[in-house]
Amino acid sequence: FLSVKTPQVQSPCAGAGVEGNRIPVSVQHLVHFLGVFGGKIQTGGPQTQPRQVVLPVQPVQFLAVEQNTAFALRRKPGTVCTLRDFRSGSTMEFDLADLDAVPKNGSRYVKGMVKELAKRGFEVTAFDAAIESTVPLSAGMSSSAALETAAGYAIGKEFGITLEKAEWARCGQGVENNYLGLKSGLLDQFSSIFGKKA
């Protein structure tokens, strides 16, 4: 399953609350995944990824950007998940047998999502995954929320997990607050899920 977070054109005064239009999944993302892991995958599940902008007149506004994050996965036997990040060409692994162990690389956002789902009573088994993103890292553009949400939606589709959109956002916040110990709010995840096309 390939989950893609794609920004939509948005008015500076548009608020969150309406899902963006669905768009086709990039064939390039599919080719990257198949090149590493082989086999076939299904596509679906785009979400918007607006950027938060604070303006004097209103507390929170949304401005769309042209970056996107894609996440593809396929389940496999065992407990070790393998993630290929096409941004850096790196490969990361984490073990589901120890959900409390926090990886020291970007896979921590994905493993954290698995742990948040486990807290809600959902079981996720091992999988191979690939990440493709044009959202800049450490640039204040919510790259972690984009990854959490794209991974969450893909995991949900593959493992039959159904949550309300607001609860998916809370899962992403839980990754950062509970799993990583960061003091962050819910705006990034809500913006990622509830972005509105102008």
C-alpha atoms as a PDB file:
ATOM      1  CA  PHE A   1       0.000   0.000   0.000  1.00  0.00           C
ATOM      2  CA  LEU A   2       1.333   3.443  -0.885  1.00  0.00           C
ATOM      3  CA  SER A   3       0.145   6.385   1.185  1.00  0.00           C
ATOM      4  CA  VAL A   4       0.928   9.776  -0.302  1.00  0.00           C
ATOM      5  CA  LYS A   5       0.710  13.130   1.425  1.00  0.00           C
ATOM      6  CA  THR A   6       0.315  15.789  -1.208  1.00  0.00           C
ATOM      7  CA  PRO A   7      -0.331  19.502  -0.669  1.00  0.00           C
ATOM      8  CA  GLN A   8      -3.228  21.188  -2.456  1.00  0.00           C
ATOM      9  CA  VAL A   9      -3.431  24.806  -3.522  1.00  0.00           C
ATOM     10  CA  GLN A  10      -4.949  26.609  -0.572  1.00  0.00           C
ATOM     11  CA  SER A  11      -6.140  30.074   0.319  1.00  0.00           C
ATOM     12  CA  PRO A  12      -4.118  31.838   3.045  1.00  0.00           C
ATOM     13  CA  CYS A  13      -7.372  32.177   4.998  1.00  0.00           C
ATOM     14  CA  ALA A  14      -8.606  28.616   4.610  1.00  0.00           C
ATOM     15  CA  GLY A  15      -8.891  26.578   7.771  1.00  0.00           C
ATOM     16  CA  ALA A  16      -8.570  22.887   8.466  1.00  0.00           C
ATOM     17  CA  GLY A  17     -11.507  20.544   8.409  1.00  0.00           C
ATOM     18  CA  VAL A  18     -12.085  19.429   4.824  1.00  0.00           C
ATOM     19  CA  GLU A  19     -10.173  16.632   3.138  1.00  0.00           C
ATOM     20  CA  GLY A  20      -8.205  17.566   0.016  1.00  0.00           C
ATOM     21  CA  ASN A  21      -8.942  16.057  -3.381  1.00  0.00           C
ATOM     22  CA  ARG A  22      -7.515  12.643  -4.191  1.00  0.00           C
ATOM     23  CA  ILE A  23      -4.718  12.479  -6.746  1.00  0.00           C
ATOM     24  CA  PRO A  24      -2.902   9.669  -8.553  1.00  0.00           C
ATOM     25  CA  VAL A  25       0.063   8.045  -6.828  1.00  0.00           C
ATOM     26  CA  SER A  26       3.415   8.710  -8.495  1.00  0.00           C
ATOM     27  CA  VAL A  27       4.589   5.810 -10.636  1.00  0.00           C
ATOM     28  CA  GLN A  28       8.148   6.695  -9.601  1.00  0.00           C
ATOM     29  CA  HIS A  29       7.339   5.812  -5.985  1.00  0.00           C
ATOM     30  CA  LEU A  30       6.035   2.422  -7.075  1.00  0.00           C
ATOM     31  CA  VAL A  31       9.119   1.756  -9.168  1.00  0.00           C
ATOM     32  CA  HIS A  32      11.418   2.656  -6.254  1.00  0.00           C
ATOM     33  CA  PHE A  33       9.588   0.288  -3.916  1.00  0.00           C
ATOM     34  CA  LEU A  34       9.498  -2.585  -6.387  1.00  0.00           C
ATOM     35  CA  GLY A  35      13.169  -2.041  -7.204  1.00  0.00           C
ATOM     36  CA  VAL A  36      14.108  -2.651  -3.573  1.00  0.00           C
ATOM     37  CA  PHE A  37      11.567  -5.203  -2.384  1.00  0.00           C
ATOM     38  CA  GLY A  38      10.096  -6.682  -5.590  1.00  0.00           C
ATOM     39  CA  GLY A  39       6.528  -7.952  -5.976  1.00  0.00           C
ATOM     40  CA  LYS A  40       3.332  -5.957  -6.431  1.00  0.00           C
ATOM     41  CA  ILE A  41       1.624  -3.314  -4.317  1.00  0.00           C
ATOM     42  CA  GLN A  42      -1.701  -1.496  -4.363  1.00  0.00           C
ATOM     43  CA  THR A  43      -2.072   2.262  -4.371  1.00  0.00           C
ATOM     44  CA  GLY A  44      -4.287   4.726  -2.574  1.00  0.00           C
ATOM     45  CA  GLY A  45      -4.736   7.133   0.322  1.00  0.00           C
ATOM     46  CA  PRO A  46      -3.482  10.647  -0.451  1.00  0.00           C
ATOM     47  CA  GLN A  47      -3.666  13.280   2.258  1.00  0.00           C
ATOM     48  CA  THR A  48      -2.820  16.972   2.210  1.00  0.00           C
ATOM     49  CA  GLN A  49       0.226  18.512   3.892  1.00  0.00           C
ATOM     50  CA  PRO A  50      -0.234  22.255   4.344  1.00  0.00           C
ATOM     51  CA  ARG A  51       2.268  24.405   6.215  1.00  0.00           C
ATOM     52  CA  GLN A  52       1.251  26.351   9.287  1.00  0.00           C
ATOM     53  CA  VAL A  53       1.585  30.130   9.091  1.00  0.00           C
ATOM     54  CA  VAL A  54       0.871  32.503  11.979  1.00  0.00           C
ATOM     55  CA  LEU A  55      -0.638  35.842  10.937  1.00  0.00           C
ATOM     56  CA  PRO A  56      -1.526  38.861  13.080  1.00  0.00           C
ATOM     57  CA  VAL A  57      -5.242  38.928  12.226  1.00  0.00           C
ATOM     58  CA  GLN A  58      -6.065  35.265  12.809  1.00  0.00           C
ATOM     59  CA  PRO A  59      -4.238  32.834  15.119  1.00  0.00           C
ATOM     60  CA  VAL A  60      -3.639  30.068  12.585  1.00  0.00           C
ATOM     61  CA  GLN A  61      -3.667  30.047   8.799  1.00  0.00           C
ATOM     62  CA  PHE A  62      -2.721  27.382   6.284  1.00  0.00           C
ATOM     63  CA  LEU A  63      -0.552  27.827   3.221  1.00  0.00           C
ATOM     64  CA  ALA A  64      -0.024  24.901   0.891  1.00  0.00           C
ATOM     65  CA  VAL A  65       3.407  23.936  -0.368  1.00  0.00           C
ATOM     66  CA  GLU A  66       4.398  21.682  -3.233  1.00  0.00           C
ATOM     67  CA  GLN A  67       6.235  19.044  -1.178  1.00  0.00           C
ATOM     68  CA  ASN A  68       4.900  15.548  -0.517  1.00  0.00           C
ATOM     69  CA  THR A  69       5.683  12.383   1.412  1.00  0.00           C
ATOM     70  CA  ALA A  70       4.982   8.850   0.201  1.00  0.00           C
ATOM     71  CA  PHE A  71       5.135   5.628   2.210  1.00  0.00           C
ATOM     72  CA  ALA A  72       4.853   2.117   0.749  1.00  0.00           C
ATOM     73  CA  LEU A  73       4.827  -1.135   2.688  1.00  0.00           C
ATOM     74  CA  ARG A  74       4.329  -4.873   2.426  1.00  0.00           C
ATOM     75  CA  ARG A  75       4.038  -7.217   5.387  1.00  0.00           C
ATOM     76  CA  LYS A  76       6.523 -10.063   5.898  1.00  0.00           C
ATOM     77  CA  PRO A  77       7.239 -12.820   8.444  1.00  0.00           C
ATOM     78  CA  GLY A  78       9.210 -12.170  11.624  1.00  0.00           C
ATOM     79  CA  THR A  79       9.475  -9.143  13.909  1.00  0.00           C
ATOM     80  CA  VAL A  80      12.062  -6.945  12.157  1.00  0.00           C
ATOM     81  CA  CYS A  81      10.804  -4.090   9.977  1.00  0.00           C
ATOM     82  CA  THR A  82      13.031  -2.769   7.205  1.00  0.00           C
ATOM     83  CA  LEU A  83      12.667   0.777   5.891  1.00  0.00           C
ATOM     84  CA  ARG A  84      14.403   2.142   2.812  1.00  0.00           C
ATOM     85  CA  ASP A  85      14.636   5.945   2.696  1.00  0.00           C
ATOM     86  CA  PHE A  86      15.048   7.106  -0.882  1.00  0.00           C
ATOM     87  CA  ARG A  87      15.939  10.632   0.265  1.00  0.00           C
ATOM     88  CA  SER A  88      19.274   9.477   1.640  1.00  0.00           C
ATOM     89  CA  GLY A  89      19.548   5.992   0.162  1.00  0.00           C
ATOM     90  CA  SER A  90      19.774   4.604   3.683  1.00  0.00           C
ATOM     91  CA  THR A  91      18.198   1.435   5.045  1.00  0.00           C
ATOM     92  CA  MET A  92      16.898   1.304   8.614  1.00  0.00           C
ATOM     93  CA  GLU A  93      15.565  -1.516  10.756  1.00  0.00           C
ATOM     94  CA  PHE A  94      13.659  -1.843  14.002  1.00  0.00           C
ATOM     95  CA  ASP A  95      12.364  -4.822  15.949  1.00  0.00           C
ATOM     96  CA  LEU A  96       8.711  -5.061  16.925  1.00  0.00           C
ATOM     97  CA  ALA A  97       9.658  -7.508  19.680  1.00  0.00           C
ATOM     98  CA  ASP A  98      10.781  -4.492  21.729  1.00  0.00           C
ATOM     99  CA  LEU A  99       8.413  -1.584  21.048  1.00  0.00           C
ATOM    100  CA  ASP A 100       9.910   0.477  23.878  1.00  0.00           C
ATOM    101  CA  ALA A 101      13.359   0.694  22.260  1.00  0.00           C
ATOM    102  CA  VAL A 102      13.550   4.003  20.348  1.00  0.00           C
ATOM    103  CA  PRO A 103      15.626   3.912  17.138  1.00  0.00           C
ATOM    104  CA  LYS A 104      18.213   6.676  16.732  1.00  0.00           C
ATOM    105  CA  ASN A 105      17.228   7.338  13.118  1.00  0.00           C
ATOM    106  CA  GLY A 106      14.130   8.419  11.203  1.00  0.00           C
ATOM    107  CA  SER A 107      12.467   5.046  11.603  1.00  0.00           C
ATOM    108  CA  ARG A 108      11.541   6.131  15.137  1.00  0.00           C
ATOM    109  CA  TYR A 109       8.513   7.989  13.744  1.00  0.00           C
ATOM    110  CA  VAL A 110       7.263   4.833  12.049  1.00  0.00           C
ATOM    111  CA  LYS A 111       7.951   2.565  15.020  1.00  0.00           C
ATOM    112  CA  GLY A 112       6.318   5.138  17.278  1.00  0.00           C
ATOM    113  CA  MET A 113       3.180   4.948  15.153  1.00  0.00           C
ATOM    114  CA  VAL A 114       3.161   1.154  15.524  1.00  0.00           C
ATOM    115  CA  LYS A 115       3.432   1.597  19.284  1.00  0.00           C
ATOM    116  CA  GLU A 116       0.600   4.121  19.394  1.00  0.00           C
ATOM    117  CA  LEU A 117      -1.578   1.690  17.459  1.00  0.00           C
ATOM    118  CA  ALA A 118      -0.605  -1.114  19.857  1.00  0.00           C
ATOM    119  CA  LYS A 119      -1.751   1.072  22.775  1.00  0.00           C
ATOM    120  CA  ARG A 120      -5.127   1.247  21.055  1.00  0.00           C
ATOM    121  CA  GLY A 121      -5.317  -2.536  20.798  1.00  0.00           C
ATOM    122  CA  PHE A 122      -4.160  -3.039  17.197  1.00  0.00           C
ATOM    123  CA  GLU A 123      -1.522  -5.585  16.240  1.00  0.00           C
ATOM    124  CA  VAL A 124       0.956  -4.765  13.492  1.00  0.00           C
ATOM    125  CA  THR A 125       3.403  -7.400  12.296  1.00  0.00           C
ATOM    126  CA  ALA A 126       6.707  -6.992  10.456  1.00  0.00           C
ATOM    127  CA  PHE A 127       6.873  -5.248   7.103  1.00  0.00           C
ATOM    128  CA  ASP A 128       9.200  -3.882   4.448  1.00  0.00           C
ATOM    129  CA  ALA A 129       8.656  -0.208   3.705  1.00  0.00           C
ATOM    130  CA  ALA A 130       9.951   2.592   1.540  1.00  0.00           C
ATOM    131  CA  ILE A 131       9.888   6.344   2.137  1.00  0.00           C
ATOM    132  CA  GLU A 132      10.010   9.022  -0.546  1.00  0.00           C
ATOM    133  CA  SER A 133       9.640  12.673   0.416  1.00  0.00           C
ATOM    134  CA  THR A 134      10.327  16.159  -0.845  1.00  0.00           C
ATOM    135  CA  VAL A 135       9.407  17.759   2.494  1.00  0.00           C
ATOM    136  CA  PRO A 136      12.640  19.311   3.843  1.00  0.00           C
ATOM    137  CA  LEU A 137      13.916  17.843   7.101  1.00  0.00           C
ATOM    138  CA  SER A 138      14.414  20.117  10.133  1.00  0.00           C
ATOM    139  CA  ALA A 139      13.030  23.108   8.240  1.00  0.00           C
ATOM    140  CA  GLY A 140       9.850  23.790  10.214  1.00  0.00           C
ATOM    141  CA  MET A 141       7.671  22.181   7.551  1.00  0.00           C
ATOM    142  CA  SER A 142       6.254  19.291   9.603  1.00  0.00           C
ATOM    143  CA  SER A 143       8.258  16.534   7.925  1.00  0.00           C
ATOM    144  CA  SER A 144       7.796  14.303  10.968  1.00  0.00           C
ATOM    145  CA  ALA A 145       4.005  14.753  10.949  1.00  0.00           C
ATOM    146  CA  ALA A 146       3.947  14.020   7.218  1.00  0.00           C
ATOM    147  CA  LEU A 147       5.852  10.780   7.786  1.00  0.00           C
ATOM    148  CA  GLU A 148       3.779   9.754  10.810  1.00  0.00           C
ATOM    149  CA  THR A 149       0.516  10.282   8.966  1.00  0.00           C
ATOM    150  CA  ALA A 150       1.586   8.676   5.690  1.00  0.00           C
ATOM    151  CA  ALA A 151       2.971   5.674   7.567  1.00  0.00           C
ATOM    152  CA  GLY A 152      -0.115   5.459   9.778  1.00  0.00           C
ATOM    153  CA  TYR A 153      -2.512   5.470   6.846  1.00  0.00           C
ATOM    154  CA  ALA A 154      -0.460   2.855   4.980  1.00  0.00           C
ATOM    155  CA  ILE A 155      -0.209   0.618   8.058  1.00  0.00           C
ATOM    156  CA  GLY A 156      -3.920   1.057   8.677  1.00  0.00           C
ATOM    157  CA  LYS A 157      -4.789   0.026   5.138  1.00  0.00           C
ATOM    158  CA  GLU A 158      -2.485  -2.999   5.133  1.00  0.00           C
ATOM    159  CA  PHE A 159      -3.522  -4.283   8.570  1.00  0.00           C
ATOM    160  CA  GLY A 160      -7.216  -3.386   8.440  1.00  0.00           C
ATOM    161  CA  ILE A 161      -7.054  -0.651  11.080  1.00  0.00           C
ATOM    162  CA  THR A 162      -9.869   1.896  10.942  1.00  0.00           C
ATOM    163  CA  LEU A 163      -9.714   5.079  13.004  1.00  0.00           C
ATOM    164  CA  GLU A 164     -11.392   8.451  12.815  1.00  0.00           C
ATOM    165  CA  LYS A 165      -9.184  11.052  11.154  1.00  0.00           C
ATOM    166  CA  ALA A 166      -8.814  12.985  14.400  1.00  0.00           C
ATOM    167  CA  GLU A 167      -7.615   9.812  16.122  1.00  0.00           C
ATOM    168  CA  TRP A 168      -4.959   9.267  13.423  1.00  0.00           C
ATOM    169  CA  ALA A 169      -3.775  12.783  14.205  1.00  0.00           C
ATOM    170  CA  ARG A 170      -3.655  11.944  17.924  1.00  0.00           C
ATOM    171  CA  CYS A 171      -1.605   8.854  17.117  1.00  0.00           C
ATOM    172  CA  GLY A 172       0.931  11.071  15.376  1.00  0.00           C
ATOM    173  CA  GLN A 173       0.984  13.454  18.320  1.00  0.00           C
ATOM    174  CA  GLY A 174       1.417  10.467  20.632  1.00  0.00           C
ATOM    175  CA  VAL A 175       4.503   9.404  18.690  1.00  0.00           C
ATOM    176  CA  GLU A 176       6.134  12.710  19.517  1.00  0.00           C
ATOM    177  CA  ASN A 177       4.750  13.254  23.037  1.00  0.00           C
ATOM    178  CA  ASN A 178       4.725   9.716  24.435  1.00  0.00           C
ATOM    179  CA  TYR A 179       7.307   7.790  22.429  1.00  0.00           C
ATOM    180  CA  LEU A 180       9.907  10.476  21.749  1.00  0.00           C
ATOM    181  CA  GLY A 181       9.261  12.688  24.782  1.00  0.00           C
ATOM    182  CA  LEU A 182       8.838  15.873  22.734  1.00  0.00           C
ATOM    183  CA  LYS A 183       6.532  18.704  23.740  1.00  0.00           C
ATOM    184  CA  SER A 184       4.520  19.265  20.590  1.00  0.00           C
ATOM    185  CA  GLY A 185       0.912  20.023  19.822  1.00  0.00           C
ATOM    186  CA  LEU A 186      -1.591  18.512  17.437  1.00  0.00           C
ATOM    187  CA  LEU A 187      -1.613  21.162  14.702  1.00  0.00           C
ATOM    188  CA  ASP A 188       0.922  19.546  12.375  1.00  0.00           C
ATOM    189  CA  GLN A 189      -0.902  16.225  12.255  1.00  0.00           C
ATOM    190  CA  PHE A 190      -4.334  17.870  11.955  1.00  0.00           C
ATOM    191  CA  SER A 191      -3.076  20.060   9.119  1.00  0.00           C
ATOM    192  CA  SER A 192      -1.650  17.027   7.403  1.00  0.00           C
ATOM    193  CA  ILE A 193      -4.964  15.165   7.530  1.00  0.00           C
ATOM    194  CA  PHE A 194      -7.596  17.902   7.314  1.00  0.00           C
ATOM    195  CA  GLY A 195      -6.033  20.283   4.775  1.00  0.00           C
ATOM    196  CA  LYS A 196      -8.501  22.008   2.480  1.00  0.00           C
ATOM    197  CA  LYS A 197      -8.134  22.747  -1.214  1.00  0.00           C
ATOM    198  CA  ALA A 198      -8.962  26.387  -1.956  1.00  0.00           C
END
